[in-house]
Each structure stands twice: as C-alpha cells, then as structure tokens.
C-alpha cells in the first residue's frame, strides 16, 4: 500500500530513488536551527547533523522529537559576567 502524507507534512524534496524504505528517526532533541529551541547540546547536534545529511542525500527520512512547552532555556551574560538563564514558554501552533 502506498500512503502519502498530507500536504503540510510532506518532505521539501523528492526522495532519491535508491532510498525506497521509509525511516523514522526518534530523538529527544534536534538542533535544526537556533530559533527552534529543541536542543541543549550534543544529542541535539548529532540528530540535527543526521537530518542535514539525510536532506543532502535526499533520503526518505523523517525526524520525530518532542517540543517541550517548558524545558529548554536561553542563556545570557549578566552585568557581572556570570551566566543567567531565561525560561520562555513555547507557543503551541497547530
């Protein structure tokens, strides 16, 4: 059975024909872009790197993660040069 994804969930590229099998990559974090705060370190950077490679090779891969409404934070330098944290609640857009 050949199922297709709804238009808003489709990949932004046509798959390379040598990658016929669909693969789902589950990770708690994906470092896709700095503006999308879904990572805090190494695991996220590794998963983001895998997703970039899949895009470059036009693989049939989808990443599935979690967007925590509260959980990741931004760091900033205080006036005394120590580090501070700022939690921001994430907006849920459907």
C-alpha atoms as a PDB file:
ATOM      1  CA  UNK A   1       0.000   0.000   0.000  1.00  0.00           C
ATOM      2  CA  UNK A   2       1.457   3.373  -0.994  1.00  0.00           C
ATOM      3  CA  UNK A   3       0.417   6.007   1.554  1.00  0.00           C
ATOM      4  CA  UNK A   4       1.194   9.663   1.087  1.00  0.00           C
ATOM      5  CA  UNK A   5       1.466  12.307   3.768  1.00  0.00           C
ATOM      6  CA  UNK A   6      -0.943  15.242   3.917  1.00  0.00           C
ATOM      7  CA  UNK A   7       0.444  18.244   2.021  1.00  0.00           C
ATOM      8  CA  UNK A   8       1.543  20.205   5.134  1.00  0.00           C
ATOM      9  CA  UNK A   9       3.656  17.245   6.360  1.00  0.00           C
ATOM     10  CA  UNK A  10       5.338  16.328   3.076  1.00  0.00           C
ATOM     11  CA  UNK A  11       9.091  16.431   2.639  1.00  0.00           C
ATOM     12  CA  UNK A  12      10.514  19.556   0.969  1.00  0.00           C
ATOM     13  CA  UNK A  13      12.248  17.398  -1.654  1.00  0.00           C
ATOM     14  CA  UNK A  14      11.750  14.335  -3.851  1.00  0.00           C
ATOM     15  CA  UNK A  15      13.463  11.226  -2.485  1.00  0.00           C
ATOM     16  CA  UNK A  16      16.470   9.721  -4.192  1.00  0.00           C
ATOM     17  CA  UNK A  17      15.210   6.514  -5.829  1.00  0.00           C
ATOM     18  CA  UNK A  18      17.869   4.389  -4.105  1.00  0.00           C
ATOM     19  CA  UNK A  19      16.220   5.143  -0.690  1.00  0.00           C
ATOM     20  CA  UNK A  20      12.951   3.255  -1.106  1.00  0.00           C
ATOM     21  CA  UNK A  21      12.406   2.333   2.539  1.00  0.00           C
ATOM     22  CA  UNK A  22      10.894   4.980   4.826  1.00  0.00           C
ATOM     23  CA  UNK A  23      12.783   5.586   8.067  1.00  0.00           C
ATOM     24  CA  UNK A  24      11.674   7.423  11.221  1.00  0.00           C
ATOM     25  CA  UNK A  25      14.405   8.928  13.417  1.00  0.00           C
ATOM     26  CA  UNK A  26      13.246   9.334  17.019  1.00  0.00           C
ATOM     27  CA  UNK A  27      15.260  11.689  19.203  1.00  0.00           C
ATOM     28  CA  UNK A  28      14.519  13.812  22.255  1.00  0.00           C
ATOM     29  CA  UNK A  29      16.350  16.742  20.639  1.00  0.00           C
ATOM     30  CA  UNK A  30      17.022  18.067  17.132  1.00  0.00           C
ATOM     31  CA  UNK A  31      19.372  21.009  16.541  1.00  0.00           C
ATOM     32  CA  UNK A  32      17.793  22.163  13.291  1.00  0.00           C
ATOM     33  CA  UNK A  33      18.056  25.929  13.772  1.00  0.00           C
ATOM     34  CA  UNK A  34      18.898  28.267  16.678  1.00  0.00           C
ATOM     35  CA  UNK A  35      15.463  29.847  16.504  1.00  0.00           C
ATOM     36  CA  UNK A  36      13.840  26.459  17.188  1.00  0.00           C
ATOM     37  CA  UNK A  37      14.898  25.738  20.788  1.00  0.00           C
ATOM     38  CA  UNK A  38      14.575  21.947  20.762  1.00  0.00           C
ATOM     39  CA  UNK A  39      18.079  21.015  21.885  1.00  0.00           C
ATOM     40  CA  UNK A  40      20.568  21.654  24.639  1.00  0.00           C
ATOM     41  CA  UNK A  41      23.776  20.019  23.498  1.00  0.00           C
ATOM     42  CA  UNK A  42      25.471  17.020  21.951  1.00  0.00           C
ATOM     43  CA  UNK A  43      22.489  14.741  21.338  1.00  0.00           C
ATOM     44  CA  UNK A  44      20.628  17.522  19.568  1.00  0.00           C
ATOM     45  CA  UNK A  45      23.615  18.464  17.417  1.00  0.00           C
ATOM     46  CA  UNK A  46      24.162  14.833  16.432  1.00  0.00           C
ATOM     47  CA  UNK A  47      20.496  14.375  15.491  1.00  0.00           C
ATOM     48  CA  UNK A  48      20.489  17.668  13.581  1.00  0.00           C
ATOM     49  CA  UNK A  49      23.604  16.580  11.702  1.00  0.00           C
ATOM     50  CA  UNK A  50      21.924  13.295  10.724  1.00  0.00           C
ATOM     51  CA  UNK A  51      18.878  15.198   9.482  1.00  0.00           C
ATOM     52  CA  UNK A  52      21.074  17.534   7.419  1.00  0.00           C
ATOM     53  CA  UNK A  53      22.869  14.548   5.860  1.00  0.00           C
ATOM     54  CA  UNK A  54      19.524  12.928   5.037  1.00  0.00           C
ATOM     55  CA  UNK A  55      18.432  16.152   3.352  1.00  0.00           C
ATOM     56  CA  UNK A  56      21.691  16.440   1.380  1.00  0.00           C
ATOM     57  CA  UNK A  57      21.347  12.846   0.140  1.00  0.00           C
ATOM     58  CA  UNK A  58      17.567  13.169  -0.376  1.00  0.00           C
ATOM     59  CA  UNK A  59      16.893  10.185   1.890  1.00  0.00           C
ATOM     60  CA  UNK A  60      13.408   9.006   2.809  1.00  0.00           C
ATOM     61  CA  UNK A  61      13.744  10.010   6.490  1.00  0.00           C
ATOM     62  CA  UNK A  62      11.545  11.850   8.964  1.00  0.00           C
ATOM     63  CA  UNK A  63      12.629  13.079  12.406  1.00  0.00           C
ATOM     64  CA  UNK A  64      10.237  12.736  15.324  1.00  0.00           C
ATOM     65  CA  UNK A  65      11.006  14.597  18.541  1.00  0.00           C
ATOM     66  CA  UNK A  66       9.378  16.448  21.411  1.00  0.00           C
ATOM     67  CA  UNK A  67       8.774  20.166  21.709  1.00  0.00           C
ATOM     68  CA  UNK A  68       8.582  20.793  25.436  1.00  0.00           C
ATOM     69  CA  UNK A  69       6.321  23.705  26.299  1.00  0.00           C
ATOM     70  CA  UNK A  70       8.726  24.481  29.128  1.00  0.00           C
ATOM     71  CA  UNK A  71      12.103  22.870  29.356  1.00  0.00           C
ATOM     72  CA  UNK A  72      14.810  24.487  27.264  1.00  0.00           C
ATOM     73  CA  UNK A  73      16.112  27.880  28.194  1.00  0.00           C
ATOM     74  CA  UNK A  74      18.208  30.701  26.810  1.00  0.00           C
ATOM     75  CA  UNK A  75      21.475  31.663  28.470  1.00  0.00           C
ATOM     76  CA  UNK A  76      22.747  35.208  28.686  1.00  0.00           C
ATOM     77  CA  UNK A  77      25.584  37.082  30.399  1.00  0.00           C
ATOM     78  CA  UNK A  78      24.716  39.242  33.373  1.00  0.00           C
ATOM     79  CA  UNK A  79      26.425  42.571  34.046  1.00  0.00           C
ATOM     80  CA  UNK A  80      28.865  40.819  36.432  1.00  0.00           C
ATOM     81  CA  UNK A  81      29.709  38.434  33.507  1.00  0.00           C
ATOM     82  CA  UNK A  82      28.136  35.425  35.217  1.00  0.00           C
ATOM     83  CA  UNK A  83      25.638  33.363  33.246  1.00  0.00           C
ATOM     84  CA  UNK A  84      21.911  33.712  33.710  1.00  0.00           C
ATOM     85  CA  UNK A  85      19.023  31.649  32.366  1.00  0.00           C
ATOM     86  CA  UNK A  86      15.735  32.763  30.887  1.00  0.00           C
ATOM     87  CA  UNK A  87      12.841  30.338  30.577  1.00  0.00           C
ATOM     88  CA  UNK A  88      10.262  31.143  27.938  1.00  0.00           C
ATOM     89  CA  UNK A  89       7.059  29.192  27.496  1.00  0.00           C
ATOM     90  CA  UNK A  90       6.787  27.839  23.974  1.00  0.00           C
ATOM     91  CA  UNK A  91       3.710  28.695  21.949  1.00  0.00           C
ATOM     92  CA  UNK A  92       1.902  25.657  20.599  1.00  0.00           C
ATOM     93  CA  UNK A  93       0.909  26.189  16.975  1.00  0.00           C
ATOM     94  CA  UNK A  94      -1.236  23.623  15.256  1.00  0.00           C
END
